[in-house]
PDB file of N, CA and C in Angstrom:
ATOM      1  N   UNK A   1      14.354  -2.745 -24.785  1.00  0.00           N
ATOM      2  CA  UNK A   1      14.212  -2.159 -23.466  1.00  0.00           C
ATOM      3  C   UNK A   1      15.592  -2.127 -22.803  1.00  0.00           C
ATOM      4  N   UNK A   2      15.923  -1.033 -22.170  1.00  0.00           N
ATOM      5  CA  UNK A   2      17.232  -0.922 -21.536  1.00  0.00           C
ATOM      6  C   UNK A   2      17.200  -1.450 -20.112  1.00  0.00           C
ATOM      7  N   UNK A   3      18.360  -1.807 -19.635  1.00  0.00           N
ATOM      8  CA  UNK A   3      18.503  -2.324 -18.277  1.00  0.00           C
ATOM      9  C   UNK A   3      19.074  -1.206 -17.414  1.00  0.00           C
ATOM     10  N   UNK A   4      18.261  -0.640 -16.540  1.00  0.00           N
ATOM     11  CA  UNK A   4      18.663   0.487 -15.707  1.00  0.00           C
ATOM     12  C   UNK A   4      18.788   0.021 -14.267  1.00  0.00           C
ATOM     13  N   UNK A   5      19.906   0.355 -13.655  1.00  0.00           N
ATOM     14  CA  UNK A   5      20.037   0.096 -12.217  1.00  0.00           C
ATOM     15  C   UNK A   5      20.195   1.437 -11.510  1.00  0.00           C
ATOM     16  N   UNK A   6      19.753   1.490 -10.279  1.00  0.00           N
ATOM     17  CA  UNK A   6      19.766   2.728  -9.512  1.00  0.00           C
ATOM     18  C   UNK A   6      20.554   2.498  -8.234  1.00  0.00           C
ATOM     19  N   UNK A   7      21.397   3.465  -7.905  1.00  0.00           N
ATOM     20  CA  UNK A   7      22.154   3.435  -6.657  1.00  0.00           C
ATOM     21  C   UNK A   7      21.818   4.726  -5.917  1.00  0.00           C
ATOM     22  N   UNK A   8      20.870   4.652  -4.991  1.00  0.00           N
ATOM     23  CA  UNK A   8      20.414   5.859  -4.304  1.00  0.00           C
ATOM     24  C   UNK A   8      20.050   5.535  -2.864  1.00  0.00           C
ATOM     25  N   UNK A   9      20.206   6.523  -2.022  1.00  0.00           N
ATOM     26  CA  UNK A   9      19.752   6.448  -0.633  1.00  0.00           C
ATOM     27  C   UNK A   9      18.774   7.599  -0.436  1.00  0.00           C
ATOM     28  N   UNK A  10      17.535   7.267  -0.161  1.00  0.00           N
ATOM     29  CA  UNK A  10      16.480   8.267  -0.002  1.00  0.00           C
ATOM     30  C   UNK A  10      16.047   8.289   1.452  1.00  0.00           C
ATOM     31  N   UNK A  11      16.051   9.481   2.037  1.00  0.00           N
ATOM     32  CA  UNK A  11      15.563   9.652   3.402  1.00  0.00           C
ATOM     33  C   UNK A  11      14.372  10.590   3.342  1.00  0.00           C
ATOM     34  N   UNK A  12      13.249  10.158   3.872  1.00  0.00           N
ATOM     35  CA  UNK A  12      12.031  10.958   3.869  1.00  0.00           C
ATOM     36  C   UNK A  12      11.570  11.168   5.306  1.00  0.00           C
ATOM     37  N   UNK A  13      11.129  12.384   5.590  1.00  0.00           N
ATOM     38  CA  UNK A  13      10.649  12.724   6.934  1.00  0.00           C
ATOM     39  C   UNK A  13       9.312  13.430   6.819  1.00  0.00           C
ATOM     40  N   UNK A  14       8.424  13.176   7.754  1.00  0.00           N
ATOM     41  CA  UNK A  14       7.154  13.869   7.867  1.00  0.00           C
ATOM     42  C   UNK A  14       6.793  13.897   9.335  1.00  0.00           C
ATOM     43  N   UNK A  15       5.716  14.604   9.689  1.00  0.00           N
ATOM     44  CA  UNK A  15       5.380  14.796  11.100  1.00  0.00           C
ATOM     45  C   UNK A  15       5.220  13.486  11.859  1.00  0.00           C
ATOM     46  N   UNK A  16       4.631  12.477  11.214  1.00  0.00           N
ATOM     47  CA  UNK A  16       4.344  11.230  11.897  1.00  0.00           C
ATOM     48  C   UNK A  16       5.529  10.262  11.926  1.00  0.00           C
ATOM     49  N   UNK A  17       6.600  10.574  11.213  1.00  0.00           N
ATOM     50  CA  UNK A  17       7.723   9.650  11.231  1.00  0.00           C
ATOM     51  C   UNK A  17       8.727   9.928  10.140  1.00  0.00           C
ATOM     52  N   UNK A  18       9.527   8.937   9.887  1.00  0.00           N
ATOM     53  CA  UNK A  18      10.547   9.030   8.858  1.00  0.00           C
ATOM     54  C   UNK A  18      10.854   7.638   8.341  1.00  0.00           C
ATOM     55  N   UNK A  19      11.498   7.568   7.187  1.00  0.00           N
ATOM     56  CA  UNK A  19      11.891   6.283   6.639  1.00  0.00           C
ATOM     57  C   UNK A  19      13.042   6.501   5.671  1.00  0.00           C
ATOM     58  N   UNK A  20      13.695   5.431   5.322  1.00  0.00           N
ATOM     59  CA  UNK A  20      14.762   5.505   4.330  1.00  0.00           C
ATOM     60  C   UNK A  20      14.581   4.366   3.342  1.00  0.00           C
ATOM     61  N   UNK A  21      14.994   4.620   2.132  1.00  0.00           N
ATOM     62  CA  UNK A  21      14.843   3.660   1.045  1.00  0.00           C
ATOM     63  C   UNK A  21      16.157   3.572   0.278  1.00  0.00           C
ATOM     64  N   UNK A  22      16.404   2.433  -0.318  1.00  0.00           N
ATOM     65  CA  UNK A  22      17.538   2.240  -1.215  1.00  0.00           C
ATOM     66  C   UNK A  22      17.054   1.474  -2.446  1.00  0.00           C
ATOM     67  N   UNK A  23      16.402   2.177  -3.368  1.00  0.00           N
ATOM     68  CA  UNK A  23      15.892   1.492  -4.548  1.00  0.00           C
ATOM     69  C   UNK A  23      17.034   1.019  -5.443  1.00  0.00           C
ATOM     70  N   UNK A  24      16.818  -0.105  -6.084  1.00  0.00           N
ATOM     71  CA  UNK A  24      17.815  -0.644  -6.989  1.00  0.00           C
ATOM     72  C   UNK A  24      17.346  -0.720  -8.422  1.00  0.00           C
ATOM     73  N   UNK A  25      16.063  -0.404  -8.658  1.00  0.00           N
ATOM     74  CA  UNK A  25      15.509  -0.482 -10.008  1.00  0.00           C
ATOM     75  C   UNK A  25      14.485   0.633 -10.196  1.00  0.00           C
ATOM     76  N   UNK A  26      14.169   0.954 -11.448  1.00  0.00           N
ATOM     77  CA  UNK A  26      13.134   1.962 -11.689  1.00  0.00           C
ATOM     78  C   UNK A  26      11.789   1.579 -11.072  1.00  0.00           C
ATOM     79  N   UNK A  27      11.486   0.288 -11.063  1.00  0.00           N
ATOM     80  CA  UNK A  27      10.217  -0.162 -10.475  1.00  0.00           C
ATOM     81  C   UNK A  27      10.178   0.138  -8.982  1.00  0.00           C
ATOM     82  N   UNK A  28      11.278  -0.152  -8.278  1.00  0.00           N
ATOM     83  CA  UNK A  28      11.330   0.134  -6.843  1.00  0.00           C
ATOM     84  C   UNK A  28      11.240   1.636  -6.586  1.00  0.00           C
ATOM     85  N   UNK A  29      11.915   2.428  -7.406  1.00  0.00           N
ATOM     86  CA  UNK A  29      11.862   3.885  -7.267  1.00  0.00           C
ATOM     87  C   UNK A  29      10.445   4.402  -7.479  1.00  0.00           C
ATOM     88  N   UNK A  30       9.743   3.850  -8.458  1.00  0.00           N
ATOM     89  CA  UNK A  30       8.357   4.261  -8.720  1.00  0.00           C
ATOM     90  C   UNK A  30       7.459   3.935  -7.527  1.00  0.00           C
ATOM     91  N   UNK A  31       7.621   2.759  -6.960  1.00  0.00           N
ATOM     92  CA  UNK A  31       6.814   2.379  -5.793  1.00  0.00           C
ATOM     93  C   UNK A  31       7.068   3.331  -4.632  1.00  0.00           C
ATOM     94  N   UNK A  32       8.330   3.677  -4.414  1.00  0.00           N
ATOM     95  CA  UNK A  32       8.679   4.622  -3.337  1.00  0.00           C
ATOM     96  C   UNK A  32       8.041   5.974  -3.616  1.00  0.00           C
ATOM     97  N   UNK A  33       8.160   6.453  -4.852  1.00  0.00           N
ATOM     98  CA  UNK A  33       7.579   7.749  -5.211  1.00  0.00           C
ATOM     99  C   UNK A  33       6.076   7.777  -5.014  1.00  0.00           C
ATOM    100  N   UNK A  34       5.404   6.738  -5.437  1.00  0.00           N
ATOM    101  CA  UNK A  34       3.947   6.672  -5.271  1.00  0.00           C
ATOM    102  C   UNK A  34       3.579   6.618  -3.794  1.00  0.00           C
ATOM    103  N   UNK A  35       4.306   5.830  -3.026  1.00  0.00           N
ATOM    104  CA  UNK A  35       4.050   5.744  -1.587  1.00  0.00           C
ATOM    105  C   UNK A  35       4.186   7.124  -0.931  1.00  0.00           C
ATOM    106  N   UNK A  36       5.235   7.864  -1.287  1.00  0.00           N
ATOM    107  CA  UNK A  36       5.432   9.190  -0.708  1.00  0.00           C
ATOM    108  C   UNK A  36       4.378  10.183  -1.189  1.00  0.00           C
ATOM    109  N   UNK A  37       3.954  10.073  -2.462  1.00  0.00           N
ATOM    110  CA  UNK A  37       2.876  10.927  -2.960  1.00  0.00           C
ATOM    111  C   UNK A  37       1.595  10.700  -2.180  1.00  0.00           C
ATOM    112  N   UNK A  38       1.259   9.443  -1.917  1.00  0.00           N
ATOM    113  CA  UNK A  38       0.037   9.132  -1.163  1.00  0.00           C
ATOM    114  C   UNK A  38       0.147   9.689   0.252  1.00  0.00           C
ATOM    115  N   UNK A  39       1.317   9.556   0.877  1.00  0.00           N
ATOM    116  CA  UNK A  39       1.489  10.113   2.226  1.00  0.00           C
ATOM    117  C   UNK A  39       1.326  11.631   2.224  1.00  0.00           C
ATOM    118  N   UNK A  40       1.831  12.288   1.178  1.00  0.00           N
ATOM    119  CA  UNK A  40       1.797  13.746   1.091  1.00  0.00           C
ATOM    120  C   UNK A  40       0.441  14.285   0.649  1.00  0.00           C
ATOM    121  N   UNK A  41      -0.135  13.686  -0.385  1.00  0.00           N
ATOM    122  CA  UNK A  41      -1.331  14.241  -1.013  1.00  0.00           C
ATOM    123  C   UNK A  41      -2.623  13.518  -0.684  1.00  0.00           C
ATOM    124  N   UNK A  42      -2.537  12.286  -0.217  1.00  0.00           N
ATOM    125  CA  UNK A  42      -3.714  11.447  -0.054  1.00  0.00           C
ATOM    126  C   UNK A  42      -3.928  10.636  -1.325  1.00  0.00           C
ATOM    127  N   UNK A  43      -4.732   9.599  -1.210  1.00  0.00           N
ATOM    128  CA  UNK A  43      -4.907   8.648  -2.308  1.00  0.00           C
ATOM    129  C   UNK A  43      -5.467   9.286  -3.567  1.00  0.00           C
ATOM    130  N   UNK A  44      -6.549  10.033  -3.462  1.00  0.00           N
ATOM    131  CA  UNK A  44      -7.209  10.592  -4.644  1.00  0.00           C
ATOM    132  C   UNK A  44      -6.331  11.616  -5.354  1.00  0.00           C
ATOM    133  N   UNK A  45      -5.698  12.508  -4.600  1.00  0.00           N
ATOM    134  CA  UNK A  45      -4.847  13.523  -5.224  1.00  0.00           C
ATOM    135  C   UNK A  45      -3.606  12.888  -5.846  1.00  0.00           C
ATOM    136  N   UNK A  46      -3.050  11.872  -5.209  1.00  0.00           N
ATOM    137  CA  UNK A  46      -1.899  11.174  -5.781  1.00  0.00           C
ATOM    138  C   UNK A  46      -2.289  10.474  -7.080  1.00  0.00           C
ATOM    139  N   UNK A  47      -3.478   9.873  -7.102  1.00  0.00           N
ATOM    140  CA  UNK A  47      -3.953   9.221  -8.327  1.00  0.00           C
ATOM    141  C   UNK A  47      -4.166  10.245  -9.435  1.00  0.00           C
ATOM    142  N   UNK A  48      -4.734  11.382  -9.104  1.00  0.00           N
ATOM    143  CA  UNK A  48      -4.942  12.436 -10.101  1.00  0.00           C
ATOM    144  C   UNK A  48      -3.602  12.907 -10.661  1.00  0.00           C
ATOM    145  N   UNK A  49      -2.613  13.031  -9.814  1.00  0.00           N
ATOM    146  CA  UNK A  49      -1.282  13.449 -10.252  1.00  0.00           C
ATOM    147  C   UNK A  49      -0.670  12.423 -11.208  1.00  0.00           C
ATOM    148  N   UNK A  50      -0.720  11.144 -10.832  1.00  0.00           N
ATOM    149  CA  UNK A  50      -0.139  10.118 -11.704  1.00  0.00           C
ATOM    150  C   UNK A  50      -0.934   9.989 -13.003  1.00  0.00           C
ATOM    151  N   UNK A  51      -2.247  10.190 -12.949  1.00  0.00           N
ATOM    152  CA  UNK A  51      -3.054  10.178 -14.173  1.00  0.00           C
ATOM    153  C   UNK A  51      -2.578  11.262 -15.142  1.00  0.00           C
ATOM    154  N   UNK A  52      -2.258  12.452 -14.609  1.00  0.00           N
ATOM    155  CA  UNK A  52      -1.758  13.535 -15.457  1.00  0.00           C
ATOM    156  C   UNK A  52      -0.444  13.139 -16.116  1.00  0.00           C
ATOM    157  N   UNK A  53       0.418  12.473 -15.382  1.00  0.00           N
ATOM    158  CA  UNK A  53       1.702  12.044 -15.942  1.00  0.00           C
ATOM    159  C   UNK A  53       1.477  11.038 -17.061  1.00  0.00           C
ATOM    160  N   UNK A  54       0.612  10.051 -16.839  1.00  0.00           N
ATOM    161  CA  UNK A  54       0.352   9.049 -17.869  1.00  0.00           C
ATOM    162  C   UNK A  54      -0.290   9.681 -19.101  1.00  0.00           C
ATOM    163  N   UNK A  55      -1.165  10.646 -18.903  1.00  0.00           N
ATOM    164  CA  UNK A  55      -1.784  11.331 -20.036  1.00  0.00           C
ATOM    165  C   UNK A  55      -0.736  12.071 -20.864  1.00  0.00           C
ATOM    166  N   UNK A  56       0.285  12.599 -20.203  1.00  0.00           N
ATOM    167  CA  UNK A  56       1.370  13.301 -20.891  1.00  0.00           C
ATOM    168  C   UNK A  56       2.048  12.394 -21.921  1.00  0.00           C
ATOM    169  N   UNK A  57       2.118  11.127 -21.626  1.00  0.00           N
ATOM    170  CA  UNK A  57       2.757  10.165 -22.518  1.00  0.00           C
ATOM    171  C   UNK A  57       1.752   9.482 -23.439  1.00  0.00           C
ATOM    172  N   UNK A  58       0.537   9.998 -23.485  1.00  0.00           N
ATOM    173  CA  UNK A  58      -0.466   9.474 -24.392  1.00  0.00           C
ATOM    174  C   UNK A  58      -1.061   8.156 -23.953  1.00  0.00           C
ATOM    175  N   UNK A  59      -0.888   7.808 -22.698  1.00  0.00           N
ATOM    176  CA  UNK A  59      -1.459   6.551 -22.201  1.00  0.00           C
ATOM    177  C   UNK A  59      -2.876   6.795 -21.713  1.00  0.00           C
ATOM    178  N   UNK A  60      -3.783   5.914 -22.061  1.00  0.00           N
ATOM    179  CA  UNK A  60      -5.160   6.088 -21.610  1.00  0.00           C
ATOM    180  C   UNK A  60      -5.263   5.926 -20.089  1.00  0.00           C
ATOM    181  N   UNK A  61      -6.081   6.738 -19.486  1.00  0.00           N
ATOM    182  CA  UNK A  61      -6.296   6.686 -18.043  1.00  0.00           C
ATOM    183  C   UNK A  61      -7.708   6.210 -17.801  1.00  0.00           C
ATOM    184  N   UNK A  62      -7.833   5.119 -17.073  1.00  0.00           N
ATOM    185  CA  UNK A  62      -9.146   4.565 -16.755  1.00  0.00           C
ATOM    186  C   UNK A  62      -9.694   5.279 -15.529  1.00  0.00           C
ATOM    187  N   UNK A  63     -10.871   5.852 -15.672  1.00  0.00           N
ATOM    188  CA  UNK A  63     -11.517   6.502 -14.532  1.00  0.00           C
ATOM    189  C   UNK A  63     -12.624   5.605 -14.015  1.00  0.00           C
ATOM    190  N   UNK A  64     -12.699   5.480 -12.705  1.00  0.00           N
ATOM    191  CA  UNK A  64     -13.723   4.625 -12.103  1.00  0.00           C
ATOM    192  C   UNK A  64     -14.518   5.401 -11.104  1.00  0.00           C
TER     193      UNK A  64
END
């Protein structure tokens, strides 16, 4: 497994507010991305989107 570090400044804006992030790892970046997807699409649509991504890599998706 490789060791990846990230140096980024992310600024996000939407009608209800704004925020900024500075992720330092792929895990932090993923959490930020998922958080923004949920804000944009809602929980169910964001989950459907991430399920499609996991399926692309052949990972099983548990449906409940």
